Every structure is written in structure tokens, then in C-alpha cells.
Protein backbone atom coordinates (compact mmCIF):
# COMPACT_ATOMS: atom_id res chain seq x y z
CA UNK A 1 73.88 81.28 99.28
CA UNK A 2 73.77 84.11 101.61
CA UNK A 3 77.01 85.74 102.97
CA UNK A 4 76.74 87.98 105.91
CA UNK A 5 79.26 90.57 107.53
CA UNK A 6 79.03 93.48 109.86
CA UNK A 7 79.28 96.90 108.58
CA UNK A 8 81.17 98.84 111.35
CA UNK A 9 79.84 102.29 112.17
CA UNK A 10 81.72 105.12 114.01
CA UNK A 11 78.93 105.26 116.61
CA UNK A 12 79.21 101.72 117.59
CA UNK A 13 75.88 100.82 116.27
CA UNK A 14 77.25 97.94 113.81
CA UNK A 15 74.72 96.82 111.40
CA UNK A 16 74.56 93.38 109.59
CA UNK A 17 74.96 93.31 105.75
CA UNK A 18 73.68 90.33 103.92
CA UNK A 19 73.80 89.60 100.37
CA UNK A 20 72.02 86.74 98.53
CA UNK A 21 74.28 86.63 95.63
CA UNK A 22 77.39 85.51 97.51
CA UNK A 23 80.90 87.47 97.36
CA UNK A 24 82.34 89.79 100.03
CA UNK A 25 80.93 92.51 101.79
CA UNK A 26 81.43 95.62 99.66
CA UNK A 27 82.70 97.56 102.74
CA UNK A 28 85.59 97.24 105.19
CA UNK A 29 86.45 98.52 108.75
CA UNK A 30 89.43 100.93 108.89
CA UNK A 31 91.10 101.85 112.43
CA UNK A 32 88.94 104.23 114.15
CA UNK A 33 85.70 102.88 113.11
CA UNK A 34 85.69 104.54 109.61
CA UNK A 35 83.95 102.57 106.80
CA UNK A 36 85.09 103.00 103.28
CA UNK A 37 84.10 101.22 100.25
CA UNK A 38 86.73 99.32 98.19
CA UNK A 39 86.06 101.69 95.20
CA UNK A 40 86.81 104.82 96.98
CA UNK A 41 89.47 107.29 96.03
CA UNK A 42 91.70 106.43 98.68
CA UNK A 43 91.93 102.80 97.91
CA UNK A 44 92.50 103.61 94.25
CA UNK A 45 95.45 106.00 94.98
CA UNK A 46 96.84 103.51 97.37
CA UNK A 47 96.96 100.93 94.69
CA UNK A 48 98.17 103.36 92.04
CA UNK A 49 101.07 104.36 94.35
CA UNK A 50 101.72 100.92 95.09
CA UNK A 51 102.18 100.11 91.44
CA UNK A 52 104.26 103.38 90.76
CA UNK A 53 106.64 102.31 93.59
CA UNK A 54 106.87 98.74 92.07
CA UNK A 55 107.86 99.96 88.67
CA UNK A 56 110.39 97.68 87.03
CA UNK A 57 109.57 94.83 89.72
CA UNK A 58 107.11 92.40 88.22
CA UNK A 59 107.31 90.25 91.28
CA UNK A 60 107.03 90.86 94.99
CA UNK A 61 109.44 87.98 95.87
CA UNK A 62 112.28 87.01 93.47
CA UNK A 63 112.39 83.20 92.81
CA UNK A 64 115.44 81.53 91.78
CA UNK A 65 115.55 80.68 87.99
CA UNK A 66 115.82 76.74 88.60
CA UNK A 67 112.83 77.03 91.20
CA UNK A 68 110.55 79.12 89.00
CA UNK A 69 111.34 76.68 86.06
CA UNK A 70 110.18 73.78 88.42
CA UNK A 71 107.08 75.69 89.53
CA UNK A 72 106.02 76.39 86.02
CA UNK A 73 106.66 72.81 85.08
CA UNK A 74 104.40 71.68 87.94
CA UNK A 75 101.49 73.86 86.84
CA UNK A 76 101.17 71.71 83.67
CA UNK A 77 97.66 69.97 83.99
CA UNK A 78 99.11 66.70 83.09
CA UNK A 79 100.58 66.54 86.68
CA UNK A 80 98.50 64.95 89.40
CA UNK A 81 97.91 66.94 92.64
CA UNK A 82 99.65 64.23 94.54
CA UNK A 83 102.74 64.34 92.26
CA UNK A 84 102.97 68.02 92.56
CA UNK A 85 102.63 67.93 96.46
CA UNK A 86 105.26 65.10 96.92
CA UNK A 87 107.55 67.18 94.59
CA UNK A 88 107.15 70.46 96.43
CA UNK A 89 107.24 68.78 99.87
CA UNK A 90 110.21 66.44 99.14
CA UNK A 91 113.21 66.81 101.42
CA UNK A 92 115.40 66.81 98.36
CA UNK A 93 113.82 70.20 97.27
CA UNK A 94 114.76 72.03 100.46
CA UNK A 95 118.03 72.73 102.23
CA UNK A 96 119.26 70.56 105.10
CA UNK A 97 118.11 72.19 108.42
CA UNK A 98 121.07 73.60 110.63
CA UNK A 99 119.65 71.46 113.44
CA UNK A 100 120.54 68.34 111.57
CA UNK A 101 124.07 69.76 110.80
CA UNK A 102 124.49 70.61 114.54
CA UNK A 103 123.26 67.14 115.58
CA UNK A 104 126.05 65.34 113.45
CA UNK A 105 128.56 67.81 114.77
CA UNK A 106 127.62 67.19 118.32
CA UNK A 107 127.95 63.35 117.70
CA UNK A 108 131.27 63.79 116.09
CA UNK A 109 132.74 65.98 119.08
CA UNK A 110 131.29 63.69 121.80
CA UNK A 111 132.22 60.38 120.30
CA UNK A 112 134.97 61.18 117.65
CA UNK A 113 134.79 60.11 113.93
CA UNK A 114 133.58 56.81 114.98
CA UNK A 115 130.18 58.36 115.35
CA UNK A 116 129.94 58.99 111.57
CA UNK A 117 129.45 55.15 111.36
CA UNK A 118 126.53 54.90 113.82
CA UNK A 119 122.96 54.29 112.51
CA UNK A 120 121.39 57.54 113.68
CA UNK A 121 124.32 59.59 112.28
CA UNK A 122 124.19 57.78 109.13
CA UNK A 123 120.51 58.46 108.81
CA UNK A 124 120.96 62.26 109.22
CA UNK A 125 123.86 62.32 106.78
CA UNK A 126 121.69 60.49 104.02
CA UNK A 127 119.10 63.30 104.37
CA UNK A 128 121.83 66.00 103.93
CA UNK A 129 122.10 67.84 100.50
CA UNK A 130 125.54 68.31 99.18
CA UNK A 131 125.98 71.78 100.64
CA UNK A 132 125.27 70.43 104.01
CA UNK A 133 127.78 67.71 103.62
CA UNK A 134 130.31 70.04 102.51
CA UNK A 135 129.76 72.17 105.77
CA UNK A 136 130.06 69.18 107.95
CA UNK A 137 133.33 68.30 106.30
CA UNK A 138 134.47 71.82 106.78
CA UNK A 139 133.56 71.74 110.38
CA UNK A 140 135.42 68.47 110.88
CA UNK A 141 138.36 69.46 109.28
CA UNK A 142 138.55 72.75 110.99
CA UNK A 143 136.70 72.46 114.45
CA UNK A 144 135.32 75.62 116.10
CA UNK A 145 136.93 76.26 119.64
CA UNK A 146 135.03 74.83 122.57
CA UNK A 147 133.96 77.56 125.11
């Protein structure tokens, strides 16, 4: 496999770089046309500074313990990819969108509590999580003033 890349030169005379071993080009372009290798001191210093700044923070993004537990369980090789995908993309694993709550409240404001018995509103409510249903109940009990 031959991988190609362009090595950018400050004088504008870019040169092709090719490797028959595959992999990435050993160089990258930095603003201003300066070409540096990944092993240069400035990259090493930046990486060391990054790790010093992150001391005590093992993760870039903090993940809720329950979510982390689920993700670790799904990494088990016994799970099929289709099962993992379905679990991660299930509406039950994500909060109800604000647009759904707004749509239910719009129906209630326009048609009263009878709107909660309409098929479209029932379908929206069926897709709501417990937190969203509690929010809808709160908004119905204490309606916001109309502008």
C-alpha cells in the first residue's frame, strides 16, 4: 500500500511524500508554512505541558458512573455489535428532547387537557422519560404567563 501526502514548504514549492510501508506522513503543516516533525522538541514540550496541566484528571470528559458502567459492560466481546448499537442509540438511553415537551405543552395550551388523549400527544408522551413527564406535569400545574 502506498500512502501519499504533501510536505508543505515555506517557499511554496510543496513536495509529494510517499511511503510504501503505509502509515502517516512524518511531517505536518503548521500555520505560516513551517514544517515540523512529530518528534521535534516543541511537540514533546506541548505534550508534557498538557499532561502536567491535566494532573489528577484521568479523563478529558467526566462520564456519569452509571453511563460508564453501561459502556464498560457493552465493551464485553460477548455482545454483538448490533446489540451495542441498539443499546447506545435507544431513545430510552437519552433524555427527552425539549422540542417534545414544547409540542405537548403547545397542544395543551391550544386544546386544553383533552389534548392529552389525542393519539399524537399520547405518542409523544409515550416517548418521554420520567424527568420529562414530571416537567410536563409541573408546567400544566403552573402554566407560564402568555406573552
